[in-house]
Amino acid sequence: MKIRTALTSSAAILFLAALPAAYASVSIPAPVHALYRSNGQRTIKINLRNDTGAPLELKIGDKVATLQAGQVVSEKLPVGTRITTNTATANHKVGDVIAEIIPGMYSDSTLSIK
């Protein structure tokens, strides 16, 4: 009986010691969606809604866009893009940063500018 317990214990110890080495030797392929990205830079789709009650001019990265009151504009922007005001409103001065696109943002979300 003692021999059986000793053999079982040593077999379990050898098995558990071999697990990390076996896991490290397995190659894990890259996710499929990573293979189809064109330049590796992630883009986020965001909807901008003008709730100021007046036309609003925004600078989205290097591009200037004008949003009429209540208008919703859909943009697909790379991570790191800044959205700033190009006209003054009651709540924002010229050059205020409205948002910056970060990797953790939800795609297809709506940003309401007041």
Protein backbone atom coordinates (compact mmCIF):
# COMPACT_ATOMS: atom_id res chain seq x y z
CA MET A 1 0.00 0.00 0.00
CA LYS A 2 2.83 2.41 0.80
CA ILE A 3 4.47 1.67 -2.56
CA ARG A 4 1.26 2.48 -4.43
CA THR A 5 0.92 5.82 -2.58
CA ALA A 6 4.56 6.68 -3.28
CA LEU A 7 4.23 5.83 -7.00
CA THR A 8 1.00 7.82 -7.33
CA SER A 9 2.50 10.82 -5.56
CA SER A 10 5.66 10.81 -7.67
CA ALA A 11 3.63 10.42 -10.89
CA ALA A 12 1.46 13.40 -9.90
CA ILE A 13 4.53 15.51 -9.08
CA LEU A 14 6.16 14.68 -12.43
CA PHE A 15 2.93 15.46 -14.29
CA LEU A 16 2.48 18.82 -12.56
CA ALA A 17 6.15 19.73 -13.12
CA ALA A 18 5.84 18.98 -16.85
CA LEU A 19 2.76 21.19 -17.38
CA PRO A 20 4.55 24.60 -17.56
CA ALA A 21 7.13 23.24 -20.01
CA ALA A 22 4.40 21.75 -22.22
CA TYR A 23 2.43 25.01 -22.16
CA ALA A 24 5.52 27.06 -23.08
CA SER A 25 6.32 24.83 -26.04
CA VAL A 26 2.90 25.34 -27.67
CA SER A 27 2.80 28.20 -30.18
CA ILE A 28 -0.32 30.33 -29.91
CA PRO A 29 -1.25 31.94 -33.24
CA ALA A 30 -2.18 35.62 -33.54
CA PRO A 31 -5.89 36.42 -33.55
CA VAL A 32 -7.52 36.29 -36.96
CA HIS A 33 -8.68 39.91 -36.87
CA ALA A 34 -5.07 41.03 -36.40
CA LEU A 35 -4.15 39.44 -39.72
CA TYR A 36 -6.62 41.58 -41.66
CA ARG A 37 -5.72 45.02 -40.33
CA SER A 38 -4.19 47.14 -43.03
CA ASN A 39 -1.59 49.11 -41.08
CA GLY A 40 -2.03 47.78 -37.56
CA GLN A 41 -3.51 51.08 -36.32
CA ARG A 42 -6.85 50.69 -34.60
CA THR A 43 -9.73 52.97 -35.59
CA ILE A 44 -12.81 53.80 -33.58
CA LYS A 45 -16.15 54.81 -35.12
CA ILE A 46 -17.65 57.73 -33.22
CA ASN A 47 -20.78 59.82 -33.76
CA LEU A 48 -20.58 63.53 -32.93
CA ARG A 49 -23.85 65.33 -32.09
CA ASN A 50 -24.11 69.13 -31.83
CA ASP A 51 -26.42 69.99 -28.92
CA THR A 52 -25.22 73.62 -28.56
CA GLY A 53 -28.15 75.12 -30.48
CA ALA A 54 -25.85 76.91 -32.94
CA PRO A 55 -23.52 75.84 -35.75
CA LEU A 56 -20.29 74.43 -34.34
CA GLU A 57 -16.96 74.15 -36.11
CA LEU A 58 -14.72 71.32 -34.92
CA LYS A 59 -11.19 70.39 -35.78
CA ILE A 60 -11.02 66.60 -36.02
CA GLY A 61 -7.34 65.75 -36.28
CA ASP A 62 -6.20 67.96 -39.17
CA LYS A 63 -9.65 68.24 -40.77
CA VAL A 64 -12.17 71.00 -40.03
CA ALA A 65 -15.86 70.04 -39.94
CA THR A 66 -18.95 72.17 -39.34
CA LEU A 67 -21.90 70.68 -37.47
CA GLN A 68 -25.28 72.37 -37.65
CA ALA A 69 -27.44 72.45 -34.53
CA GLY A 70 -28.76 68.95 -33.80
CA GLN A 71 -26.73 67.37 -36.60
CA VAL A 72 -25.01 64.02 -36.08
CA VAL A 73 -21.79 63.25 -37.97
CA SER A 74 -20.24 59.79 -38.04
CA GLU A 75 -16.43 59.59 -38.17
CA LYS A 76 -14.01 56.66 -38.18
CA LEU A 77 -10.90 57.95 -36.40
CA PRO A 78 -7.54 56.42 -35.55
CA VAL A 79 -6.47 56.14 -31.92
CA GLY A 80 -4.76 59.34 -30.75
CA THR A 81 -6.91 61.74 -32.79
CA ARG A 82 -8.00 64.87 -30.92
CA ILE A 83 -11.32 66.62 -31.45
CA THR A 84 -11.08 70.35 -30.59
CA THR A 85 -13.38 73.34 -30.98
CA ASN A 86 -12.67 75.83 -33.74
CA THR A 87 -15.42 78.27 -32.68
CA ALA A 88 -16.34 79.57 -29.25
CA THR A 89 -19.62 78.56 -27.59
CA ALA A 90 -21.19 79.26 -24.21
CA ASN A 91 -19.39 76.25 -22.70
CA HIS A 92 -16.21 76.02 -24.80
CA LYS A 93 -13.42 78.35 -25.85
CA VAL A 94 -11.60 78.07 -29.17
CA GLY A 95 -9.08 75.23 -28.98
CA ASP A 96 -10.75 73.34 -26.12
CA VAL A 97 -10.24 69.58 -26.39
CA ILE A 98 -13.64 67.90 -26.64
CA ALA A 99 -12.32 64.33 -26.80
CA GLU A 100 -9.26 62.26 -27.64
CA ILE A 101 -9.70 58.85 -29.22
CA ILE A 102 -8.20 56.16 -26.95
CA PRO A 103 -8.06 52.37 -27.39
CA GLY A 104 -10.61 51.77 -24.62
CA MET A 105 -13.42 53.76 -26.29
CA TYR A 106 -16.51 51.94 -27.44
CA SER A 107 -16.88 51.86 -31.20
CA ASP A 108 -20.07 53.42 -32.61
CA SER A 109 -20.71 55.54 -29.52
CA THR A 110 -22.26 59.01 -29.67
CA LEU A 111 -20.55 62.06 -28.20
CA SER A 112 -23.00 64.86 -27.38
CA ILE A 113 -21.39 68.33 -27.43
CA LYS A 114 -23.23 70.91 -25.32
